[in-house]
Amino acid sequence: MKLIVKLSAFRDFLVAQVEGKPDITMPELARRLEDEHGLVIPPS
């Protein structure tokens, strides 16, 4: 539950990433989240 609350603040960013690259992998998405926002989330 805590992870959902943490990620909800980045919803627009995450949706934009998936819309921009529909075949993005979870590890790529996690890396972008860390690079752009400094948030480290396990990709699995």
N, C-alpha and C. Protein backbone atom coordinates (compact mmCIF):
# COMPACT_ATOMS: atom_id res chain seq x y z
N MET A 1 0.82 -1.20 0.00
CA MET A 1 0.00 0.00 0.00
C MET A 1 0.86 1.26 0.00
N LYS A 2 1.94 1.27 0.75
CA LYS A 2 2.81 2.44 0.80
C LYS A 2 3.39 2.76 -0.57
N LEU A 3 3.74 1.73 -1.34
CA LEU A 3 4.31 1.94 -2.66
C LEU A 3 3.29 2.62 -3.58
N ILE A 4 2.04 2.23 -3.49
CA ILE A 4 1.00 2.85 -4.32
C ILE A 4 0.86 4.32 -3.97
N VAL A 5 0.87 4.64 -2.72
CA VAL A 5 0.77 6.04 -2.30
C VAL A 5 1.99 6.81 -2.81
N LYS A 6 3.16 6.23 -2.69
CA LYS A 6 4.38 6.88 -3.14
C LYS A 6 4.35 7.12 -4.65
N LEU A 7 3.91 6.14 -5.42
CA LEU A 7 3.87 6.26 -6.87
C LEU A 7 2.74 7.14 -7.37
N SER A 8 1.68 7.29 -6.60
CA SER A 8 0.55 8.09 -7.06
C SER A 8 0.95 9.53 -7.35
N ALA A 9 1.95 10.03 -6.67
CA ALA A 9 2.44 11.39 -6.91
C ALA A 9 3.12 11.51 -8.27
N PHE A 10 3.50 10.40 -8.86
CA PHE A 10 4.21 10.39 -10.14
C PHE A 10 3.36 9.83 -11.27
N ARG A 11 2.07 9.75 -11.06
CA ARG A 11 1.17 9.16 -12.04
C ARG A 11 1.31 9.79 -13.42
N ASP A 12 1.27 11.10 -13.50
CA ASP A 12 1.35 11.78 -14.80
C ASP A 12 2.67 11.47 -15.50
N PHE A 13 3.75 11.46 -14.74
CA PHE A 13 5.06 11.14 -15.31
C PHE A 13 5.07 9.71 -15.85
N LEU A 14 4.57 8.77 -15.06
CA LEU A 14 4.57 7.37 -15.47
C LEU A 14 3.70 7.14 -16.70
N VAL A 15 2.53 7.74 -16.72
CA VAL A 15 1.64 7.60 -17.87
C VAL A 15 2.30 8.18 -19.12
N ALA A 16 2.94 9.33 -18.98
CA ALA A 16 3.61 9.95 -20.13
C ALA A 16 4.73 9.06 -20.66
N GLN A 17 5.45 8.39 -19.78
CA GLN A 17 6.52 7.51 -20.21
C GLN A 17 5.97 6.33 -21.01
N VAL A 18 4.88 5.75 -20.54
CA VAL A 18 4.28 4.61 -21.22
C VAL A 18 3.64 5.05 -22.54
N GLU A 19 3.01 6.21 -22.55
CA GLU A 19 2.42 6.70 -23.80
C GLU A 19 3.51 7.01 -24.82
N GLY A 20 4.65 7.50 -24.36
CA GLY A 20 5.75 7.83 -25.25
C GLY A 20 6.47 6.61 -25.79
N LYS A 21 6.45 5.53 -25.02
CA LYS A 21 7.12 4.28 -25.43
C LYS A 21 6.28 3.12 -24.89
N PRO A 22 5.25 2.72 -25.64
CA PRO A 22 4.33 1.69 -25.15
C PRO A 22 5.00 0.37 -24.76
N ASP A 23 6.15 0.07 -25.34
CA ASP A 23 6.81 -1.20 -25.01
C ASP A 23 7.91 -1.03 -23.95
N ILE A 24 7.84 0.05 -23.18
CA ILE A 24 8.83 0.28 -22.13
C ILE A 24 8.77 -0.86 -21.11
N THR A 25 9.93 -1.27 -20.64
CA THR A 25 9.98 -2.35 -19.64
C THR A 25 9.93 -1.74 -18.25
N MET A 26 9.60 -2.56 -17.27
CA MET A 26 9.57 -2.08 -15.89
C MET A 26 10.95 -1.61 -15.43
N PRO A 27 12.04 -2.33 -15.76
CA PRO A 27 13.36 -1.81 -15.37
C PRO A 27 13.67 -0.45 -16.00
N GLU A 28 13.27 -0.24 -17.26
CA GLU A 28 13.48 1.07 -17.90
C GLU A 28 12.66 2.14 -17.20
N LEU A 29 11.43 1.83 -16.88
CA LEU A 29 10.56 2.78 -16.21
C LEU A 29 11.09 3.14 -14.83
N ALA A 30 11.56 2.15 -14.11
CA ALA A 30 12.14 2.39 -12.79
C ALA A 30 13.39 3.26 -12.89
N ARG A 31 14.22 3.01 -13.91
CA ARG A 31 15.43 3.79 -14.11
C ARG A 31 15.10 5.25 -14.44
N ARG A 32 14.11 5.46 -15.27
CA ARG A 32 13.69 6.83 -15.62
C ARG A 32 13.15 7.56 -14.40
N LEU A 33 12.39 6.85 -13.58
CA LEU A 33 11.85 7.45 -12.36
C LEU A 33 12.98 7.87 -11.43
N GLU A 34 13.99 7.03 -11.32
CA GLU A 34 15.14 7.37 -10.49
C GLU A 34 15.93 8.53 -11.10
N ASP A 35 16.19 8.47 -12.40
CA ASP A 35 16.97 9.52 -13.07
C ASP A 35 16.29 10.88 -12.99
N GLU A 36 14.99 10.91 -13.20
CA GLU A 36 14.27 12.18 -13.28
C GLU A 36 13.81 12.71 -11.92
N HIS A 37 13.52 11.78 -10.99
CA HIS A 37 12.91 12.21 -9.73
C HIS A 37 13.65 11.73 -8.48
N GLY A 38 14.69 10.93 -8.68
CA GLY A 38 15.47 10.44 -7.53
C GLY A 38 14.75 9.41 -6.69
N LEU A 39 13.67 8.85 -7.22
CA LEU A 39 12.90 7.85 -6.48
C LEU A 39 13.32 6.46 -6.91
N VAL A 40 13.79 5.67 -5.97
CA VAL A 40 14.26 4.31 -6.28
C VAL A 40 13.13 3.34 -5.95
N ILE A 41 12.67 2.65 -6.99
CA ILE A 41 11.59 1.68 -6.86
C ILE A 41 12.06 0.37 -7.50
N PRO A 42 11.92 -0.75 -6.81
CA PRO A 42 12.26 -2.03 -7.43
C PRO A 42 11.37 -2.25 -8.66
N PRO A 43 11.95 -2.64 -9.80
CA PRO A 43 11.17 -2.77 -11.02
C PRO A 43 10.24 -3.96 -11.09
N SER A 44 10.31 -4.88 -10.15
CA SER A 44 9.43 -6.05 -10.21
C SER A 44 8.16 -5.86 -9.41
